[in-house]
């Protein structure tokens, strides 16, 4: 019986790419670089803010060693931007309430660092909707390592067969497969791959308004 829903954040529950691009370009501008196109920054999302900064600096020719020096400035830029140019996807708020009313426990499972995830949730008034948050710096590992799912399930005393991961990317599929949980994806996110073959989810969510994980009618297969 399903007891726990594990949600990805960026691209799945929220459109955050615009404000992430704003923060990246704040940092690049301060460091004397040309701005990165928002469409390009979108492809860097999914591994956490620090990893994204590394991709941005590599794009402008800075070495990997520059990340440590650039991080405090970028962290400040992104903290200021969190919640300023992002939106909650249609149907998310009602879905979270509906599934809570059905007795399901809900976990945020994100590679975004905890400070940024918390700030984003507070600014969009979603923090109280989750029983647990496992962020990119909560553990020594992050998605797609199965340890993040295992940590969440242990905290909620649930088994893998009682959980479903809802995400948008190949990272989410690989996380779910490694941890032995079911996975369904939205199509409006940051997929980072083809979502076919071994990276195909169990199904796709057509719209959060119709999402009922206790039934099968919410799925759009293929």
C-alpha atoms as a PDB file:
ATOM      1  CA  UNK A   1       0.000   0.000   0.000  1.00  0.00           C
ATOM      2  CA  UNK A   2       1.313   3.428  -0.927  1.00  0.00           C
ATOM      3  CA  UNK A   3       2.243   5.570   2.082  1.00  0.00           C
ATOM      4  CA  UNK A   4       4.936   8.035   0.967  1.00  0.00           C
ATOM      5  CA  UNK A   5       5.345  10.401  -2.001  1.00  0.00           C
ATOM      6  CA  UNK A   6       8.877  11.684  -2.637  1.00  0.00           C
ATOM      7  CA  UNK A   7       8.960  14.866  -4.742  1.00  0.00           C
ATOM      8  CA  UNK A   8      11.744  16.461  -6.686  1.00  0.00           C
ATOM      9  CA  UNK A   9      11.647  20.277  -6.498  1.00  0.00           C
ATOM     10  CA  UNK A  10      13.210  22.127  -9.447  1.00  0.00           C
ATOM     11  CA  UNK A  11      11.249  21.514 -12.614  1.00  0.00           C
ATOM     12  CA  UNK A  12       8.790  19.171 -10.922  1.00  0.00           C
ATOM     13  CA  UNK A  13       6.926  21.249  -8.351  1.00  0.00           C
ATOM     14  CA  UNK A  14       8.327  24.639  -9.393  1.00  0.00           C
ATOM     15  CA  UNK A  15       9.662  26.459 -12.416  1.00  0.00           C
ATOM     16  CA  UNK A  16      12.887  27.846 -10.962  1.00  0.00           C
ATOM     17  CA  UNK A  17      15.126  28.164 -14.018  1.00  0.00           C
ATOM     18  CA  UNK A  18      14.519  31.920 -14.553  1.00  0.00           C
ATOM     19  CA  UNK A  19      15.705  32.959 -11.102  1.00  0.00           C
ATOM     20  CA  UNK A  20      18.595  30.484 -11.167  1.00  0.00           C
ATOM     21  CA  UNK A  21      19.700  32.073 -14.442  1.00  0.00           C
ATOM     22  CA  UNK A  22      19.363  35.500 -12.808  1.00  0.00           C
ATOM     23  CA  UNK A  23      21.667  34.424  -9.955  1.00  0.00           C
ATOM     24  CA  UNK A  24      24.193  32.832 -12.301  1.00  0.00           C
ATOM     25  CA  UNK A  25      24.339  35.991 -14.365  1.00  0.00           C
ATOM     26  CA  UNK A  26      24.653  38.181 -11.272  1.00  0.00           C
ATOM     27  CA  UNK A  27      27.802  36.197 -10.481  1.00  0.00           C
ATOM     28  CA  UNK A  28      29.163  36.124 -14.018  1.00  0.00           C
ATOM     29  CA  UNK A  29      28.624  39.863 -14.408  1.00  0.00           C
ATOM     30  CA  UNK A  30      30.463  40.602 -11.171  1.00  0.00           C
ATOM     31  CA  UNK A  31      33.356  38.414 -12.340  1.00  0.00           C
ATOM     32  CA  UNK A  32      33.591  40.252 -15.662  1.00  0.00           C
ATOM     33  CA  UNK A  33      32.058  37.600 -17.921  1.00  0.00           C
ATOM     34  CA  UNK A  34      29.377  37.692 -20.591  1.00  0.00           C
ATOM     35  CA  UNK A  35      25.957  36.528 -19.437  1.00  0.00           C
ATOM     36  CA  UNK A  36      24.813  32.954 -19.998  1.00  0.00           C
ATOM     37  CA  UNK A  37      21.597  32.389 -21.954  1.00  0.00           C
ATOM     38  CA  UNK A  38      18.719  31.309 -19.727  1.00  0.00           C
ATOM     39  CA  UNK A  39      18.096  28.287 -21.975  1.00  0.00           C
ATOM     40  CA  UNK A  40      21.650  27.106 -21.359  1.00  0.00           C
ATOM     41  CA  UNK A  41      21.443  27.604 -17.597  1.00  0.00           C
ATOM     42  CA  UNK A  42      18.286  25.479 -17.655  1.00  0.00           C
ATOM     43  CA  UNK A  43      20.351  22.501 -18.856  1.00  0.00           C
ATOM     44  CA  UNK A  44      22.703  22.852 -15.858  1.00  0.00           C
ATOM     45  CA  UNK A  45      19.965  22.359 -13.254  1.00  0.00           C
ATOM     46  CA  UNK A  46      19.622  19.161 -11.259  1.00  0.00           C
ATOM     47  CA  UNK A  47      22.826  18.502  -9.324  1.00  0.00           C
ATOM     48  CA  UNK A  48      22.614  21.295  -6.749  1.00  0.00           C
ATOM     49  CA  UNK A  49      23.649  24.945  -6.725  1.00  0.00           C
ATOM     50  CA  UNK A  50      27.331  24.370  -6.159  1.00  0.00           C
ATOM     51  CA  UNK A  51      27.557  21.960  -9.091  1.00  0.00           C
ATOM     52  CA  UNK A  52      25.626  24.432 -11.210  1.00  0.00           C
ATOM     53  CA  UNK A  53      28.111  27.167 -10.337  1.00  0.00           C
ATOM     54  CA  UNK A  54      30.905  24.866 -11.479  1.00  0.00           C
ATOM     55  CA  UNK A  55      29.178  24.381 -14.829  1.00  0.00           C
ATOM     56  CA  UNK A  56      28.696  28.128 -15.214  1.00  0.00           C
ATOM     57  CA  UNK A  57      32.346  28.894 -14.484  1.00  0.00           C
ATOM     58  CA  UNK A  58      33.509  26.147 -16.842  1.00  0.00           C
ATOM     59  CA  UNK A  59      31.320  27.670 -19.542  1.00  0.00           C
ATOM     60  CA  UNK A  60      33.217  30.962 -19.292  1.00  0.00           C
ATOM     61  CA  UNK A  61      36.604  29.272 -19.094  1.00  0.00           C
ATOM     62  CA  UNK A  62      37.323  29.426 -15.368  1.00  0.00           C
ATOM     63  CA  UNK A  63      38.980  26.369 -13.785  1.00  0.00           C
ATOM     64  CA  UNK A  64      37.268  24.021 -11.360  1.00  0.00           C
ATOM     65  CA  UNK A  65      39.441  25.467  -8.605  1.00  0.00           C
ATOM     66  CA  UNK A  66      37.594  28.787  -8.947  1.00  0.00           C
ATOM     67  CA  UNK A  67      34.387  27.373  -7.486  1.00  0.00           C
ATOM     68  CA  UNK A  68      35.498  27.702  -3.857  1.00  0.00           C
ATOM     69  CA  UNK A  69      36.345  31.388  -4.241  1.00  0.00           C
ATOM     70  CA  UNK A  70      33.197  32.140  -6.254  1.00  0.00           C
ATOM     71  CA  UNK A  71      30.817  30.212  -4.020  1.00  0.00           C
ATOM     72  CA  UNK A  72      30.165  32.794  -1.254  1.00  0.00           C
ATOM     73  CA  UNK A  73      29.223  35.456  -3.792  1.00  0.00           C
ATOM     74  CA  UNK A  74      27.017  33.100  -5.778  1.00  0.00           C
ATOM     75  CA  UNK A  75      25.379  31.758  -2.619  1.00  0.00           C
ATOM     76  CA  UNK A  76      24.446  35.311  -1.668  1.00  0.00           C
ATOM     77  CA  UNK A  77      23.192  36.040  -5.192  1.00  0.00           C
ATOM     78  CA  UNK A  78      21.046  32.940  -5.247  1.00  0.00           C
ATOM     79  CA  UNK A  79      19.690  33.428  -1.730  1.00  0.00           C
ATOM     80  CA  UNK A  80      18.553  36.894  -2.782  1.00  0.00           C
ATOM     81  CA  UNK A  81      16.956  35.521  -5.949  1.00  0.00           C
ATOM     82  CA  UNK A  82      15.143  32.533  -4.384  1.00  0.00           C
ATOM     83  CA  UNK A  83      11.410  33.023  -4.816  1.00  0.00           C
ATOM     84  CA  UNK A  84      11.678  36.230  -6.876  1.00  0.00           C
ATOM     85  CA  UNK A  85      11.331  34.848 -10.416  1.00  0.00           C
ATOM     86  CA  UNK A  86       9.972  31.354  -9.890  1.00  0.00           C
ATOM     87  CA  UNK A  87       6.479  29.891  -9.817  1.00  0.00           C
ATOM     88  CA  UNK A  88       4.660  26.906  -8.411  1.00  0.00           C
ATOM     89  CA  UNK A  89       3.351  24.709 -11.195  1.00  0.00           C
ATOM     90  CA  UNK A  90      -0.395  24.541 -11.789  1.00  0.00           C
ATOM     91  CA  UNK A  91      -2.165  22.089  -9.534  1.00  0.00           C
ATOM     92  CA  UNK A  92       0.687  21.607  -7.062  1.00  0.00           C
ATOM     93  CA  UNK A  93      -0.844  23.353  -4.045  1.00  0.00           C
ATOM     94  CA  UNK A  94      -4.191  21.574  -4.360  1.00  0.00           C
ATOM     95  CA  UNK A  95      -2.456  18.247  -4.996  1.00  0.00           C
ATOM     96  CA  UNK A  96      -0.289  18.490  -1.882  1.00  0.00           C
ATOM     97  CA  UNK A  97      -3.339  19.231   0.253  1.00  0.00           C
ATOM     98  CA  UNK A  98      -5.440  16.515  -1.400  1.00  0.00           C
ATOM     99  CA  UNK A  99      -2.824  13.804  -0.917  1.00  0.00           C
ATOM    100  CA  UNK A 100      -2.211  14.876   2.661  1.00  0.00           C
ATOM    101  CA  UNK A 101      -5.943  14.569   3.278  1.00  0.00           C
ATOM    102  CA  UNK A 102      -5.747  11.037   1.872  1.00  0.00           C
ATOM    103  CA  UNK A 103      -3.197  10.188   4.559  1.00  0.00           C
ATOM    104  CA  UNK A 104      -0.066  10.116   2.405  1.00  0.00           C
ATOM    105  CA  UNK A 105       3.204  11.397   3.851  1.00  0.00           C
ATOM    106  CA  UNK A 106       5.105  13.799   1.601  1.00  0.00           C
ATOM    107  CA  UNK A 107       8.844  14.301   1.318  1.00  0.00           C
ATOM    108  CA  UNK A 108      10.863  16.845  -0.628  1.00  0.00           C
ATOM    109  CA  UNK A 109      13.864  15.110  -2.189  1.00  0.00           C
ATOM    110  CA  UNK A 110      16.085  17.713  -3.815  1.00  0.00           C
ATOM    111  CA  UNK A 111      19.731  18.147  -4.749  1.00  0.00           C
ATOM    112  CA  UNK A 112      19.363  21.853  -3.992  1.00  0.00           C
ATOM    113  CA  UNK A 113      21.214  22.858  -0.851  1.00  0.00           C
ATOM    114  CA  UNK A 114      18.999  23.050   2.223  1.00  0.00           C
ATOM    115  CA  UNK A 115      19.266  26.810   2.773  1.00  0.00           C
ATOM    116  CA  UNK A 116      18.051  27.535  -0.757  1.00  0.00           C
ATOM    117  CA  UNK A 117      15.329  24.891  -0.688  1.00  0.00           C
ATOM    118  CA  UNK A 118      13.983  26.183   2.630  1.00  0.00           C
ATOM    119  CA  UNK A 119      14.081  29.796   1.440  1.00  0.00           C
ATOM    120  CA  UNK A 120      12.232  28.899  -1.746  1.00  0.00           C
ATOM    121  CA  UNK A 121       9.553  26.937   0.089  1.00  0.00           C
ATOM    122  CA  UNK A 122       9.038  29.700   2.639  1.00  0.00           C
ATOM    123  CA  UNK A 123       8.696  32.380  -0.026  1.00  0.00           C
ATOM    124  CA  UNK A 124       6.142  30.264  -1.897  1.00  0.00           C
ATOM    125  CA  UNK A 125       4.375  29.196   1.325  1.00  0.00           C
ATOM    126  CA  UNK A 126       4.928  25.464   0.798  1.00  0.00           C
ATOM    127  CA  UNK A 127       7.194  24.575   3.717  1.00  0.00           C
ATOM    128  CA  UNK A 128       4.428  23.142   5.907  1.00  0.00           C
ATOM    129  CA  UNK A 129       3.277  20.756   3.158  1.00  0.00           C
ATOM    130  CA  UNK A 130       6.208  18.376   3.688  1.00  0.00           C
ATOM    131  CA  UNK A 131       6.788  15.891   6.474  1.00  0.00           C
ATOM    132  CA  UNK A 132      10.500  15.771   5.683  1.00  0.00           C
ATOM    133  CA  UNK A 133      13.050  17.555   3.493  1.00  0.00           C
ATOM    134  CA  UNK A 134      16.147  15.736   2.252  1.00  0.00           C
ATOM    135  CA  UNK A 135      18.318  18.324   0.518  1.00  0.00           C
ATOM    136  CA  UNK A 136      21.558  18.150  -1.389  1.00  0.00           C
ATOM    137  CA  UNK A 137      23.628  18.744   1.736  1.00  0.00           C
ATOM    138  CA  UNK A 138      21.543  16.752   4.224  1.00  0.00           C
ATOM    139  CA  UNK A 139      23.664  13.639   3.669  1.00  0.00           C
ATOM    140  CA  UNK A 140      27.151  12.895   2.333  1.00  0.00           C
ATOM    141  CA  UNK A 141      25.407  11.641  -0.846  1.00  0.00           C
ATOM    142  CA  UNK A 142      22.673  13.038  -3.075  1.00  0.00           C
ATOM    143  CA  UNK A 143      20.516  11.859  -5.971  1.00  0.00           C
ATOM    144  CA  UNK A 144      20.927   9.522  -7.825  1.00  0.00           C
ATOM    145  CA  UNK A 145      22.487   7.705  -4.853  1.00  0.00           C
ATOM    146  CA  UNK A 146      19.824   5.466  -3.271  1.00  0.00           C
ATOM    147  CA  UNK A 147      20.866   6.637   0.178  1.00  0.00           C
ATOM    148  CA  UNK A 148      18.688   9.731  -0.063  1.00  0.00           C
ATOM    149  CA  UNK A 149      15.556   7.647  -0.565  1.00  0.00           C
ATOM    150  CA  UNK A 150      16.640   5.128   2.051  1.00  0.00           C
ATOM    151  CA  UNK A 151      17.185   7.950   4.551  1.00  0.00           C
ATOM    152  CA  UNK A 152      13.698   9.334   3.940  1.00  0.00           C
ATOM    153  CA  UNK A 153      12.003   5.959   4.172  1.00  0.00           C
ATOM    154  CA  UNK A 154      13.859   5.085   7.371  1.00  0.00           C
ATOM    155  CA  UNK A 155      12.779   8.380   8.924  1.00  0.00           C
ATOM    156  CA  UNK A 156       9.150   7.652   8.069  1.00  0.00           C
ATOM    157  CA  UNK A 157       9.399   3.924   8.852  1.00  0.00           C
ATOM    158  CA  UNK A 158       8.272   2.986   5.349  1.00  0.00           C
ATOM    159  CA  UNK A 159       9.379   0.294   2.898  1.00  0.00           C
ATOM    160  CA  UNK A 160      10.402   0.887  -0.743  1.00  0.00           C
ATOM    161  CA  UNK A 161       7.214  -0.753  -2.036  1.00  0.00           C
ATOM    162  CA  UNK A 162       5.215   1.824  -0.044  1.00  0.00           C
ATOM    163  CA  UNK A 163       6.806   4.813  -1.811  1.00  0.00           C
ATOM    164  CA  UNK A 164       6.572   6.657  -5.113  1.00  0.00           C
ATOM    165  CA  UNK A 165       9.084   9.177  -6.432  1.00  0.00           C
ATOM    166  CA  UNK A 166       7.667  12.042  -8.521  1.00  0.00           C
ATOM    167  CA  UNK A 167      10.262  13.870 -10.595  1.00  0.00           C
ATOM    168  CA  UNK A 168      11.204  15.259 -13.980  1.00  0.00           C
ATOM    169  CA  UNK A 169      14.589  13.852 -14.933  1.00  0.00           C
ATOM    170  CA  UNK A 170      16.833  10.901 -15.628  1.00  0.00           C
ATOM    171  CA  UNK A 171      18.404  11.593 -12.223  1.00  0.00           C
ATOM    172  CA  UNK A 172      15.048  10.927 -10.569  1.00  0.00           C
ATOM    173  CA  UNK A 173      14.533   7.717 -12.536  1.00  0.00           C
ATOM    174  CA  UNK A 174      18.001   6.457 -11.634  1.00  0.00           C
ATOM    175  CA  UNK A 175      17.483   7.367  -7.988  1.00  0.00           C
ATOM    176  CA  UNK A 176      14.217   5.468  -7.849  1.00  0.00           C
ATOM    177  CA  UNK A 177      15.594   2.401  -9.617  1.00  0.00           C
ATOM    178  CA  UNK A 178      18.628   2.280  -7.325  1.00  0.00           C
ATOM    179  CA  UNK A 179      16.402   2.478  -4.253  1.00  0.00           C
ATOM    180  CA  UNK A 180      13.735   0.067  -5.496  1.00  0.00           C
ATOM    181  CA  UNK A 181      10.837   2.530  -5.530  1.00  0.00           C
ATOM    182  CA  UNK A 182       8.327   3.343  -8.264  1.00  0.00           C
ATOM    183  CA  UNK A 183       8.830   6.537 -10.272  1.00  0.00           C
ATOM    184  CA  UNK A 184       6.576   8.776 -12.330  1.00  0.00           C
ATOM    185  CA  UNK A 185       7.633  11.926 -14.147  1.00  0.00           C
ATOM    186  CA  UNK A 186       6.147  15.208 -15.274  1.00  0.00           C
ATOM    187  CA  UNK A 187       6.959  16.462 -18.760  1.00  0.00           C
ATOM    188  CA  UNK A 188       7.379  20.152 -17.908  1.00  0.00           C
ATOM    189  CA  UNK A 189      10.730  19.966 -16.135  1.00  0.00           C
ATOM    190  CA  UNK A 190      14.460  19.621 -16.766  1.00  0.00           C
ATOM    191  CA  UNK A 191      14.832  16.022 -18.009  1.00  0.00           C
ATOM    192  CA  UNK A 192      18.626  15.904 -18.630  1.00  0.00           C
ATOM    193  CA  UNK A 193      18.175  12.978 -21.016  1.00  0.00           C
ATOM    194  CA  UNK A 194      15.860  11.016 -23.263  1.00  0.00           C
ATOM    195  CA  UNK A 195      13.742   9.290 -20.566  1.00  0.00           C
ATOM    196  CA  UNK A 196      13.754   6.124 -22.668  1.00  0.00           C
ATOM    197  CA  UNK A 197      15.197   2.633 -22.253  1.00  0.00           C
ATOM    198  CA  UNK A 198      16.685   2.179 -18.793  1.00  0.00           C
ATOM    199  CA  UNK A 199      15.846   5.828 -18.053  1.00  0.00           C
ATOM    200  CA  UNK A 200      12.131   5.423 -18.770  1.00  0.00           C
ATOM    201  CA  UNK A 201       9.863   5.988 -15.744  1.00  0.00           C
ATOM    202  CA  UNK A 202       6.913   3.811 -14.799  1.00  0.00           C
ATOM    203  CA  UNK A 203       4.653   6.484 -16.263  1.00  0.00           C
ATOM    204  CA  UNK A 204       4.152  10.182 -16.912  1.00  0.00           C
ATOM    205  CA  UNK A 205       1.878  12.499 -14.955  1.00  0.00           C
ATOM    206  CA  UNK A 206      -0.479  14.286 -17.319  1.00  0.00           C
ATOM    207  CA  UNK A 207      -1.400  17.073 -14.878  1.00  0.00           C
ATOM    208  CA  UNK A 208      -1.266  17.471 -11.124  1.00  0.00           C
ATOM    209  CA  UNK A 209      -5.001  18.232 -11.025  1.00  0.00           C
ATOM    210  CA  UNK A 210      -5.713  14.644 -12.043  1.00  0.00           C
ATOM    211  CA  UNK A 211      -2.788  13.038 -10.213  1.00  0.00           C
ATOM    212  CA  UNK A 212      -4.092  10.252  -7.983  1.00  0.00           C
ATOM    213  CA  UNK A 213      -1.243   7.883  -7.078  1.00  0.00           C
ATOM    214  CA  UNK A 214      -3.703   5.479  -5.475  1.00  0.00           C
ATOM    215  CA  UNK A 215      -5.262   4.855  -8.929  1.00  0.00           C
ATOM    216  CA  UNK A 216      -3.930   4.373 -12.453  1.00  0.00           C
ATOM    217  CA  UNK A 217      -6.040   6.852 -14.393  1.00  0.00           C
ATOM    218  CA  UNK A 218      -3.682   9.804 -13.839  1.00  0.00           C
ATOM    219  CA  UNK A 219      -0.970   8.277 -16.010  1.00  0.00           C
ATOM    220  CA  UNK A 220      -0.159   9.115 -19.603  1.00  0.00           C
ATOM    221  CA  UNK A 221       2.086   6.272 -20.721  1.00  0.00           C
ATOM    222  CA  UNK A 222       4.729   6.901 -23.395  1.00  0.00           C
END
